[in-house]
PDB file of N, CA and C in Angstrom:
ATOM      1  N   MET A   1       0.848  -1.183   0.000  1.00  0.00           N
ATOM      2  CA  MET A   1       0.000   0.000   0.000  1.00  0.00           C
ATOM      3  C   MET A   1       0.890   1.242   0.000  1.00  0.00           C
ATOM      4  N   GLN A   2       0.499   2.227  -0.771  1.00  0.00           N
ATOM      5  CA  GLN A   2       1.229   3.483  -0.868  1.00  0.00           C
ATOM      6  C   GLN A   2       1.064   4.316   0.399  1.00  0.00           C
ATOM      7  N   ALA A   3       1.944   5.289   0.590  1.00  0.00           N
ATOM      8  CA  ALA A   3       1.912   6.155   1.772  1.00  0.00           C
ATOM      9  C   ALA A   3       0.571   6.872   1.896  1.00  0.00           C
ATOM     10  N   PHE A   4       0.048   7.375   0.778  1.00  0.00           N
ATOM     11  CA  PHE A   4      -1.215   8.116   0.837  1.00  0.00           C
ATOM     12  C   PHE A   4      -2.369   7.207   1.254  1.00  0.00           C
ATOM     13  N   GLY A   5      -2.367   5.970   0.798  1.00  0.00           N
ATOM     14  CA  GLY A   5      -3.409   5.017   1.187  1.00  0.00           C
ATOM     15  C   GLY A   5      -3.355   4.692   2.670  1.00  0.00           C
ATOM     16  N   VAL A   6      -2.154   4.501   3.189  1.00  0.00           N
ATOM     17  CA  VAL A   6      -1.998   4.239   4.623  1.00  0.00           C
ATOM     18  C   VAL A   6      -2.465   5.452   5.419  1.00  0.00           C
ATOM     19  N   PHE A   7      -2.119   6.645   4.948  1.00  0.00           N
ATOM     20  CA  PHE A   7      -2.559   7.871   5.619  1.00  0.00           C
ATOM     21  C   PHE A   7      -4.080   7.937   5.680  1.00  0.00           C
ATOM     22  N   ARG A   8      -4.737   7.657   4.558  1.00  0.00           N
ATOM     23  CA  ARG A   8      -6.210   7.724   4.531  1.00  0.00           C
ATOM     24  C   ARG A   8      -6.838   6.726   5.497  1.00  0.00           C
ATOM     25  N   VAL A   9      -6.324   5.499   5.505  1.00  0.00           N
ATOM     26  CA  VAL A   9      -6.866   4.468   6.398  1.00  0.00           C
ATOM     27  C   VAL A   9      -6.669   4.857   7.857  1.00  0.00           C
ATOM     28  N   THR A  10      -5.481   5.333   8.206  1.00  0.00           N
ATOM     29  CA  THR A  10      -5.241   5.693   9.606  1.00  0.00           C
ATOM     30  C   THR A  10      -6.034   6.922  10.016  1.00  0.00           C
ATOM     31  N   ALA A  11      -6.248   7.867   9.104  1.00  0.00           N
ATOM     32  CA  ALA A  11      -7.055   9.050   9.423  1.00  0.00           C
ATOM     33  C   ALA A  11      -8.489   8.649   9.758  1.00  0.00           C
ATOM     34  N   ILE A  12      -9.039   7.747   8.970  1.00  0.00           N
ATOM     35  CA  ILE A  12     -10.416   7.292   9.208  1.00  0.00           C
ATOM     36  C   ILE A  12     -10.492   6.450  10.475  1.00  0.00           C
ATOM     37  N   ALA A  13      -9.545   5.544  10.648  1.00  0.00           N
ATOM     38  CA  ALA A  13      -9.539   4.685  11.836  1.00  0.00           C
ATOM     39  C   ALA A  13      -9.362   5.504  13.109  1.00  0.00           C
ATOM     40  N   GLU A  14      -8.517   6.532  13.060  1.00  0.00           N
ATOM     41  CA  GLU A  14      -8.307   7.387  14.228  1.00  0.00           C
ATOM     42  C   GLU A  14      -9.599   8.102  14.607  1.00  0.00           C
ATOM     43  N   ALA A  15     -10.343   8.571  13.612  1.00  0.00           N
ATOM     44  CA  ALA A  15     -11.615   9.244  13.877  1.00  0.00           C
ATOM     45  C   ALA A  15     -12.650   8.283  14.451  1.00  0.00           C
ATOM     46  N   VAL A  16     -12.697   7.067  13.925  1.00  0.00           N
ATOM     47  CA  VAL A  16     -13.634   6.066  14.444  1.00  0.00           C
ATOM     48  C   VAL A  16     -13.298   5.722  15.896  1.00  0.00           C
ATOM     49  N   SER A  17     -12.007   5.598  16.183  1.00  0.00           N
ATOM     50  CA  SER A  17     -11.625   5.291  17.563  1.00  0.00           C
ATOM     51  C   SER A  17     -11.940   6.453  18.502  1.00  0.00           C
ATOM     52  N   TRP A  18     -11.845   7.689  18.012  1.00  0.00           N
ATOM     53  CA  TRP A  18     -12.243   8.851  18.807  1.00  0.00           C
ATOM     54  C   TRP A  18     -13.726   8.745  19.157  1.00  0.00           C
ATOM     55  N   THR A  19     -14.536   8.378  18.178  1.00  0.00           N
ATOM     56  CA  THR A  19     -15.973   8.233  18.410  1.00  0.00           C
ATOM     57  C   THR A  19     -16.241   7.176  19.477  1.00  0.00           C
ATOM     58  N   GLY A  20     -15.548   6.049  19.382  1.00  0.00           N
ATOM     59  CA  GLY A  20     -15.695   5.006  20.401  1.00  0.00           C
ATOM     60  C   GLY A  20     -15.263   5.480  21.767  1.00  0.00           C
ATOM     61  N   LEU A  21     -14.178   6.227  21.832  1.00  0.00           N
ATOM     62  CA  LEU A  21     -13.705   6.748  23.116  1.00  0.00           C
ATOM     63  C   LEU A  21     -14.692   7.751  23.700  1.00  0.00           C
ATOM     64  N   LEU A  22     -15.253   8.605  22.862  1.00  0.00           N
ATOM     65  CA  LEU A  22     -16.259   9.556  23.347  1.00  0.00           C
ATOM     66  C   LEU A  22     -17.491   8.830  23.882  1.00  0.00           C
ATOM     67  N   ALA A  23     -17.922   7.782  23.187  1.00  0.00           N
ATOM     68  CA  ALA A  23     -19.056   6.989  23.669  1.00  0.00           C
ATOM     69  C   ALA A  23     -18.705   6.305  24.990  1.00  0.00           C
ATOM     70  N   GLY A  24     -17.494   5.784  25.078  1.00  0.00           N
ATOM     71  CA  GLY A  24     -17.050   5.153  26.318  1.00  0.00           C
ATOM     72  C   GLY A  24     -17.005   6.137  27.474  1.00  0.00           C
ATOM     73  N   MET A  25     -16.547   7.365  27.212  1.00  0.00           N
ATOM     74  CA  MET A  25     -16.517   8.383  28.269  1.00  0.00           C
ATOM     75  C   MET A  25     -17.920   8.770  28.698  1.00  0.00           C
ATOM     76  N   TYR A  26     -18.860   8.812  27.760  1.00  0.00           N
ATOM     77  CA  TYR A  26     -20.257   9.085  28.103  1.00  0.00           C
ATOM     78  C   TYR A  26     -20.788   8.000  29.040  1.00  0.00           C
ATOM     79  N   LEU A  27     -20.547   6.749  28.674  1.00  0.00           N
ATOM     80  CA  LEU A  27     -21.033   5.643  29.506  1.00  0.00           C
ATOM     81  C   LEU A  27     -20.389   5.657  30.890  1.00  0.00           C
ATOM     82  N   LYS A  28     -19.141   6.002  30.963  1.00  0.00           N
ATOM     83  CA  LYS A  28     -18.439   5.996  32.247  1.00  0.00           C
ATOM     84  C   LYS A  28     -18.829   7.183  33.121  1.00  0.00           C
ATOM     85  N   HIS A  29     -18.851   8.387  32.551  1.00  0.00           N
ATOM     86  CA  HIS A  29     -18.996   9.587  33.369  1.00  0.00           C
ATOM     87  C   HIS A  29     -20.415  10.138  33.457  1.00  0.00           C
ATOM     88  N   VAL A  30     -21.268   9.826  32.500  1.00  0.00           N
ATOM     89  CA  VAL A  30     -22.630  10.360  32.525  1.00  0.00           C
ATOM     90  C   VAL A  30     -23.613   9.313  33.040  1.00  0.00           C
ATOM     91  N   THR A  31     -23.588   8.133  32.440  1.00  0.00           N
ATOM     92  CA  THR A  31     -24.540   7.104  32.876  1.00  0.00           C
ATOM     93  C   THR A  31     -24.004   6.256  34.015  1.00  0.00           C
ATOM     94  N   HIS A  32     -22.700   6.311  34.237  1.00  0.00           N
ATOM     95  CA  HIS A  32     -22.046   5.526  35.304  1.00  0.00           C
ATOM     96  C   HIS A  32     -22.370   4.039  35.202  1.00  0.00           C
ATOM     97  N   THR A  33     -22.401   3.526  33.961  1.00  0.00           N
ATOM     98  CA  THR A  33     -22.761   2.122  33.772  1.00  0.00           C
ATOM     99  C   THR A  33     -21.558   1.208  33.592  1.00  0.00           C
ATOM    100  N   THR A  34     -20.548   1.658  32.860  1.00  0.00           N
ATOM    101  CA  THR A  34     -19.407   0.786  32.605  1.00  0.00           C
ATOM    102  C   THR A  34     -18.163   1.603  32.271  1.00  0.00           C
ATOM    103  N   GLU A  35     -17.020   1.029  32.565  1.00  0.00           N
ATOM    104  CA  GLU A  35     -15.742   1.638  32.202  1.00  0.00           C
ATOM    105  C   GLU A  35     -15.096   0.909  31.023  1.00  0.00           C
ATOM    106  N   MET A  36     -15.758  -0.107  30.506  1.00  0.00           N
ATOM    107  CA  MET A  36     -15.191  -0.935  29.450  1.00  0.00           C
ATOM    108  C   MET A  36     -14.905  -0.145  28.169  1.00  0.00           C
ATOM    109  N   GLY A  37     -15.779   0.788  27.808  1.00  0.00           N
ATOM    110  CA  GLY A  37     -15.568   1.572  26.587  1.00  0.00           C
ATOM    111  C   GLY A  37     -14.305   2.408  26.658  1.00  0.00           C
ATOM    112  N   VAL A  38     -14.059   3.030  27.807  1.00  0.00           N
ATOM    113  CA  VAL A  38     -12.850   3.832  27.978  1.00  0.00           C
ATOM    114  C   VAL A  38     -11.627   2.919  27.990  1.00  0.00           C
ATOM    115  N   TRP A  39     -11.741   1.789  28.648  1.00  0.00           N
ATOM    116  CA  TRP A  39     -10.626   0.841  28.705  1.00  0.00           C
ATOM    117  C   TRP A  39     -10.245   0.378  27.298  1.00  0.00           C
ATOM    118  N   LEU A  40     -11.230  -0.052  26.520  1.00  0.00           N
ATOM    119  CA  LEU A  40     -10.973  -0.588  25.182  1.00  0.00           C
ATOM    120  C   LEU A  40     -10.583   0.506  24.191  1.00  0.00           C
ATOM    121  N   PHE A  41     -11.436   1.513  24.066  1.00  0.00           N
ATOM    122  CA  PHE A  41     -11.194   2.537  23.052  1.00  0.00           C
ATOM    123  C   PHE A  41     -10.050   3.474  23.420  1.00  0.00           C
ATOM    124  N   GLY A  42      -9.749   3.609  24.701  1.00  0.00           N
ATOM    125  CA  GLY A  42      -8.589   4.400  25.097  1.00  0.00           C
ATOM    126  C   GLY A  42      -7.308   3.794  24.553  1.00  0.00           C
ATOM    127  N   ARG A  43      -7.167   2.494  24.693  1.00  0.00           N
ATOM    128  CA  ARG A  43      -5.984   1.801  24.178  1.00  0.00           C
ATOM    129  C   ARG A  43      -5.946   1.812  22.650  1.00  0.00           C
ATOM    130  N   LEU A  44      -7.085   1.523  22.053  1.00  0.00           N
ATOM    131  CA  LEU A  44      -7.175   1.502  20.597  1.00  0.00           C
ATOM    132  C   LEU A  44      -6.885   2.885  20.011  1.00  0.00           C
ATOM    133  N   HIS A  45      -7.485   3.906  20.599  1.00  0.00           N
ATOM    134  CA  HIS A  45      -7.278   5.264  20.100  1.00  0.00           C
ATOM    135  C   HIS A  45      -5.819   5.693  20.278  1.00  0.00           C
ATOM    136  N   GLY A  46      -5.213   5.337  21.372  1.00  0.00           N
ATOM    137  CA  GLY A  46      -3.806   5.678  21.582  1.00  0.00           C
ATOM    138  C   GLY A  46      -2.920   5.095  20.500  1.00  0.00           C
ATOM    139  N   ALA A  47      -3.140   3.840  20.174  1.00  0.00           N
ATOM    140  CA  ALA A  47      -2.348   3.189  19.127  1.00  0.00           C
ATOM    141  C   ALA A  47      -2.613   3.817  17.759  1.00  0.00           C
ATOM    142  N   LEU A  48      -3.871   4.104  17.466  1.00  0.00           N
ATOM    143  CA  LEU A  48      -4.207   4.695  16.169  1.00  0.00           C
ATOM    144  C   LEU A  48      -3.748   6.146  16.066  1.00  0.00           C
ATOM    145  N   PHE A  49      -3.702   6.847  17.178  1.00  0.00           N
ATOM    146  CA  PHE A  49      -3.180   8.208  17.205  1.00  0.00           C
ATOM    147  C   PHE A  49      -1.706   8.204  16.778  1.00  0.00           C
ATOM    148  N   VAL A  50      -0.933   7.309  17.358  1.00  0.00           N
ATOM    149  CA  VAL A  50       0.483   7.193  17.006  1.00  0.00           C
ATOM    150  C   VAL A  50       0.620   6.745  15.546  1.00  0.00           C
ATOM    151  N   ALA A  51      -0.199   5.793  15.117  1.00  0.00           N
ATOM    152  CA  ALA A  51      -0.147   5.327  13.725  1.00  0.00           C
ATOM    153  C   ALA A  51      -0.466   6.466  12.757  1.00  0.00           C
ATOM    154  N   TYR A  52      -1.433   7.310  13.099  1.00  0.00           N
ATOM    155  CA  TYR A  52      -1.789   8.454  12.259  1.00  0.00           C
ATOM    156  C   TYR A  52      -0.609   9.422  12.148  1.00  0.00           C
ATOM    157  N   LEU A  53       0.041   9.712  13.262  1.00  0.00           N
ATOM    158  CA  LEU A  53       1.187  10.618  13.232  1.00  0.00           C
ATOM    159  C   LEU A  53       2.313  10.061  12.373  1.00  0.00           C
ATOM    160  N   LEU A  54       2.596   8.764  12.512  1.00  0.00           N
ATOM    161  CA  LEU A  54       3.635   8.128  11.685  1.00  0.00           C
ATOM    162  C   LEU A  54       3.254   8.144  10.211  1.00  0.00           C
ATOM    163  N   ALA A  55       1.983   7.842   9.914  1.00  0.00           N
ATOM    164  CA  ALA A  55       1.520   7.863   8.523  1.00  0.00           C
ATOM    165  C   ALA A  55       1.581   9.279   7.953  1.00  0.00           C
ATOM    166  N   THR A  56       1.322  10.272   8.787  1.00  0.00           N
ATOM    167  CA  THR A  56       1.400  11.661   8.335  1.00  0.00           C
ATOM    168  C   THR A  56       2.829  12.023   7.952  1.00  0.00           C
ATOM    169  N   VAL A  57       3.783  11.631   8.769  1.00  0.00           N
ATOM    170  CA  VAL A  57       5.189  11.901   8.446  1.00  0.00           C
ATOM    171  C   VAL A  57       5.574  11.185   7.156  1.00  0.00           C
ATOM    172  N   TRP A  58       5.144   9.944   7.015  1.00  0.00           N
ATOM    173  CA  TRP A  58       5.458   9.165   5.817  1.00  0.00           C
ATOM    174  C   TRP A  58       4.893   9.827   4.554  1.00  0.00           C
ATOM    175  N   VAL A  59       3.597  10.157   4.587  1.00  0.00           N
ATOM    176  CA  VAL A  59       2.974  10.738   3.392  1.00  0.00           C
ATOM    177  C   VAL A  59       3.508  12.147   3.135  1.00  0.00           C
ATOM    178  N   ALA A  60       3.827  12.884   4.171  1.00  0.00           N
ATOM    179  CA  ALA A  60       4.378  14.232   3.982  1.00  0.00           C
ATOM    180  C   ALA A  60       5.716  14.169   3.249  1.00  0.00           C
ATOM    181  N   ARG A  61       6.524  13.197   3.600  1.00  0.00           N
ATOM    182  CA  ARG A  61       7.813  13.028   2.898  1.00  0.00           C
ATOM    183  C   ARG A  61       7.594  12.512   1.481  1.00  0.00           C
ATOM    184  N   ALA A  62       6.729  11.514   1.332  1.00  0.00           N
ATOM    185  CA  ALA A  62       6.502  10.907   0.015  1.00  0.00           C
ATOM    186  C   ALA A  62       5.853  11.880  -0.966  1.00  0.00           C
ATOM    187  N   GLU A  63       4.932  12.694  -0.472  1.00  0.00           N
ATOM    188  CA  GLU A  63       4.200  13.632  -1.333  1.00  0.00           C
ATOM    189  C   GLU A  63       4.812  15.028  -1.332  1.00  0.00           C
ATOM    190  N   ARG A  64       5.886  15.204  -0.563  1.00  0.00           N
ATOM    191  CA  ARG A  64       6.571  16.496  -0.456  1.00  0.00           C
ATOM    192  C   ARG A  64       5.629  17.608  -0.009  1.00  0.00           C
ATOM    193  N   TRP A  65       4.907  17.327   1.089  1.00  0.00           N
ATOM    194  CA  TRP A  65       4.021  18.335   1.657  1.00  0.00           C
ATOM    195  C   TRP A  65       4.846  19.468   2.237  1.00  0.00           C
ATOM    196  N   SER A  66       4.255  20.631   2.278  1.00  0.00           N
ATOM    197  CA  SER A  66       4.895  21.772   2.931  1.00  0.00           C
ATOM    198  C   SER A  66       4.877  21.557   4.444  1.00  0.00           C
ATOM    199  N   ILE A  67       5.705  22.315   5.116  1.00  0.00           N
ATOM    200  CA  ILE A  67       5.724  22.256   6.590  1.00  0.00           C
ATOM    201  C   ILE A  67       4.344  22.638   7.127  1.00  0.00           C
ATOM    202  N   TRP A  68       3.724  23.637   6.509  1.00  0.00           N
ATOM    203  CA  TRP A  68       2.407  24.107   6.942  1.00  0.00           C
ATOM    204  C   TRP A  68       1.357  22.993   6.826  1.00  0.00           C
ATOM    205  N   ARG A  69       1.291  22.330   5.687  1.00  0.00           N
ATOM    206  CA  ARG A  69       0.311  21.252   5.498  1.00  0.00           C
ATOM    207  C   ARG A  69       0.570  20.110   6.482  1.00  0.00           C
ATOM    208  N   THR A  70       1.840  19.790   6.694  1.00  0.00           N
ATOM    209  CA  THR A  70       2.189  18.728   7.634  1.00  0.00           C
ATOM    210  C   THR A  70       1.787  19.108   9.053  1.00  0.00           C
ATOM    211  N   ALA A  71       2.019  20.356   9.434  1.00  0.00           N
ATOM    212  CA  ALA A  71       1.647  20.821  10.784  1.00  0.00           C
ATOM    213  C   ALA A  71       0.135  20.786  10.977  1.00  0.00           C
ATOM    214  N   VAL A  72      -0.602  21.176   9.956  1.00  0.00           N
ATOM    215  CA  VAL A  72      -2.070  21.125  10.051  1.00  0.00           C
ATOM    216  C   VAL A  72      -2.540  19.678  10.172  1.00  0.00           C
ATOM    217  N   ALA A  73      -1.913  18.781   9.418  1.00  0.00           N
ATOM    218  CA  ALA A  73      -2.258  17.356   9.514  1.00  0.00           C
ATOM    219  C   ALA A  73      -2.001  16.826  10.921  1.00  0.00           C
ATOM    220  N   MET A  74      -0.874  17.207  11.499  1.00  0.00           N
ATOM    221  CA  MET A  74      -0.560  16.771  12.869  1.00  0.00           C
ATOM    222  C   MET A  74      -1.561  17.358  13.861  1.00  0.00           C
ATOM    223  N   ALA A  75      -1.870  18.637  13.713  1.00  0.00           N
ATOM    224  CA  ALA A  75      -2.823  19.286  14.619  1.00  0.00           C
ATOM    225  C   ALA A  75      -4.222  18.690  14.488  1.00  0.00           C
ATOM    226  N   ALA A  76      -4.552  18.164  13.321  1.00  0.00           N
ATOM    227  CA  ALA A  76      -5.873  17.562  13.105  1.00  0.00           C
ATOM    228  C   ALA A  76      -6.086  16.327  13.964  1.00  0.00           C
ATOM    229  N   SER A  77      -5.018  15.767  14.499  1.00  0.00           N
ATOM    230  CA  SER A  77      -5.166  14.572  15.337  1.00  0.00           C
ATOM    231  C   SER A  77      -5.655  14.898  16.744  1.00  0.00           C
ATOM    232  N   ILE A  78      -5.687  16.163  17.116  1.00  0.00           N
ATOM    233  CA  ILE A  78      -6.065  16.534  18.481  1.00  0.00           C
ATOM    234  C   ILE A  78      -7.586  16.640  18.671  1.00  0.00           C
ATOM    235  N   PRO A  79      -8.306  17.502  17.935  1.00  0.00           N
ATOM    236  CA  PRO A  79      -9.762  17.567  18.146  1.00  0.00           C
ATOM    237  C   PRO A  79     -10.455  16.319  17.596  1.00  0.00           C
ATOM    238  N   PRO A  80     -11.512  15.884  18.244  1.00  0.00           N
ATOM    239  CA  PRO A  80     -12.221  14.695  17.755  1.00  0.00           C
ATOM    240  C   PRO A  80     -12.706  14.848  16.316  1.00  0.00           C
ATOM    241  N   LEU A  81     -12.485  13.808  15.525  1.00  0.00           N
ATOM    242  CA  LEU A  81     -12.981  13.655  14.152  1.00  0.00           C
ATOM    243  C   LEU A  81     -12.369  14.610  13.140  1.00  0.00           C
ATOM    244  N   THR A  82     -11.403  15.408  13.526  1.00  0.00           N
ATOM    245  CA  THR A  82     -10.814  16.373  12.606  1.00  0.00           C
ATOM    246  C   THR A  82      -9.923  15.695  11.565  1.00  0.00           C
ATOM    247  N   THR A  83      -9.418  14.509  11.863  1.00  0.00           N
ATOM    248  CA  THR A  83      -8.618  13.802  10.859  1.00  0.00           C
ATOM    249  C   THR A  83      -9.470  13.474   9.631  1.00  0.00           C
ATOM    250  N   LEU A  84     -10.760  13.236   9.840  1.00  0.00           N
ATOM    251  CA  LEU A  84     -11.661  12.999   8.704  1.00  0.00           C
ATOM    252  C   LEU A  84     -11.751  14.239   7.824  1.00  0.00           C
ATOM    253  N   LEU A  85     -11.931  15.391   8.452  1.00  0.00           N
ATOM    254  CA  LEU A  85     -12.033  16.639   7.697  1.00  0.00           C
ATOM    255  C   LEU A  85     -10.746  16.923   6.930  1.00  0.00           C
ATOM    256  N   PHE A  86      -9.609  16.745   7.601  1.00  0.00           N
ATOM    257  CA  PHE A  86      -8.339  17.002   6.925  1.00  0.00           C
ATOM    258  C   PHE A  86      -8.116  16.009   5.788  1.00  0.00           C
ATOM    259  N   GLU A  87      -8.418  14.759   6.017  1.00  0.00           N
ATOM    260  CA  GLU A  87      -8.234  13.739   4.974  1.00  0.00           C
ATOM    261  C   GLU A  87      -9.077  14.062   3.748  1.00  0.00           C
ATOM    262  N   ARG A  88     -10.319  14.485   3.945  1.00  0.00           N
ATOM    263  CA  ARG A  88     -11.189  14.854   2.814  1.00  0.00           C
ATOM    264  C   ARG A  88     -10.615  16.060   2.091  1.00  0.00           C
ATOM    265  N   TRP A  89     -10.164  17.052   2.855  1.00  0.00           N
ATOM    266  CA  TRP A  89      -9.615  18.270   2.261  1.00  0.00           C
ATOM    267  C   TRP A  89      -8.372  17.963   1.434  1.00  0.00           C
ATOM    268  N   VAL A  90      -7.442  17.228   2.002  1.00  0.00           N
ATOM    269  CA  VAL A  90      -6.183  16.958   1.305  1.00  0.00           C
ATOM    270  C   VAL A  90      -6.401  15.996   0.126  1.00  0.00           C
ATOM    271  N   SER A  91      -7.358  15.099   0.238  1.00  0.00           N
ATOM    272  CA  SER A  91      -7.645  14.180  -0.872  1.00  0.00           C
ATOM    273  C   SER A  91      -8.145  14.938  -2.095  1.00  0.00           C
ATOM    274  N   ARG A  92      -8.880  15.987  -1.872  1.00  0.00           N
ATOM    275  CA  ARG A  92      -9.406  16.777  -2.998  1.00  0.00           C
ATOM    276  C   ARG A  92      -8.344  17.657  -3.644  1.00  0.00           C
ATOM    277  N   ARG A  93      -7.272  17.933  -2.918  1.00  0.00           N
ATOM    278  CA  ARG A  93      -6.253  18.848  -3.416  1.00  0.00           C
ATOM    279  C   ARG A  93      -4.944  18.176  -3.807  1.00  0.00           C
ATOM    280  N   THR A  94      -4.849  16.879  -3.592  1.00  0.00           N
ATOM    281  CA  THR A  94      -3.601  16.172  -3.823  1.00  0.00           C
ATOM    282  C   THR A  94      -3.795  15.070  -4.851  1.00  0.00           C
ATOM    283  N   GLN A  95      -2.890  14.994  -5.770  1.00  0.00           N
ATOM    284  CA  GLN A  95      -2.824  13.869  -6.692  1.00  0.00           C
ATOM    285  C   GLN A  95      -1.729  12.961  -6.140  1.00  0.00           C
ATOM    286  N   PRO A  96      -2.086  11.857  -5.465  1.00  0.00           N
ATOM    287  CA  PRO A  96      -1.060  11.002  -4.871  1.00  0.00           C
ATOM    288  C   PRO A  96      -0.016  10.549  -5.891  1.00  0.00           C
ATOM    289  N   ALA A  97       1.217  10.422  -5.429  1.00  0.00           N
ATOM    290  CA  ALA A  97       2.312   9.998  -6.299  1.00  0.00           C
ATOM    291  C   ALA A  97       1.987   8.648  -6.911  1.00  0.00           C
ATOM    292  N   GLY A  98       2.280   8.498  -8.185  1.00  0.00           N
ATOM    293  CA  GLY A  98       2.059   7.234  -8.853  1.00  0.00           C
ATOM    294  C   GLY A  98       0.717   7.139  -9.556  1.00  0.00           C
ATOM    295  N   GLN A  99      -0.184   8.116  -9.336  1.00  0.00           N
ATOM    296  CA  GLN A  99      -1.470   8.096 -10.012  1.00  0.00           C
ATOM    297  C   GLN A  99      -1.417   9.024 -11.205  1.00  0.00           C
ATOM    298  N   VAL A 100      -2.084   8.626 -12.271  1.00  0.00           N
ATOM    299  CA  VAL A 100      -2.068   9.383 -13.506  1.00  0.00           C
ATOM    300  C   VAL A 100      -3.450   9.984 -13.706  1.00  0.00           C
ATOM    301  N   ASN A 101      -3.501  11.253 -14.134  1.00  0.00           N
ATOM    302  CA  ASN A 101      -4.777  11.876 -14.445  1.00  0.00           C
ATOM    303  C   ASN A 101      -5.418  11.175 -15.635  1.00  0.00           C
ATOM    304  N   SER A 102      -6.721  10.969 -15.565  1.00  0.00           N
ATOM    305  CA  SER A 102      -7.404  10.350 -16.701  1.00  0.00           C
ATOM    306  C   SER A 102      -8.291  11.327 -17.416  1.00  0.00           C
TER     307      SER A 102
END
């Protein structure tokens, strides 16, 4: 899989894990029913957060992103679901290396 493909997958997975973590925090702190969601999605989100950052560095080097675009991509990992927004934005503006216009 190319760097851009890995970046897209990790961006989406990171956002999904954020959603699971938010649901887990709701169950733990609002309904006081279970801590399992935070336990599971906290670990999963942590791993996917690191994977997203690594994939961002990889695709930034492979696609020769500017420092600004790379910094915005990194910052997108902080607010919930923002990696989805950034991935959609960059996908519309980037022709991944190795793809030919048709």
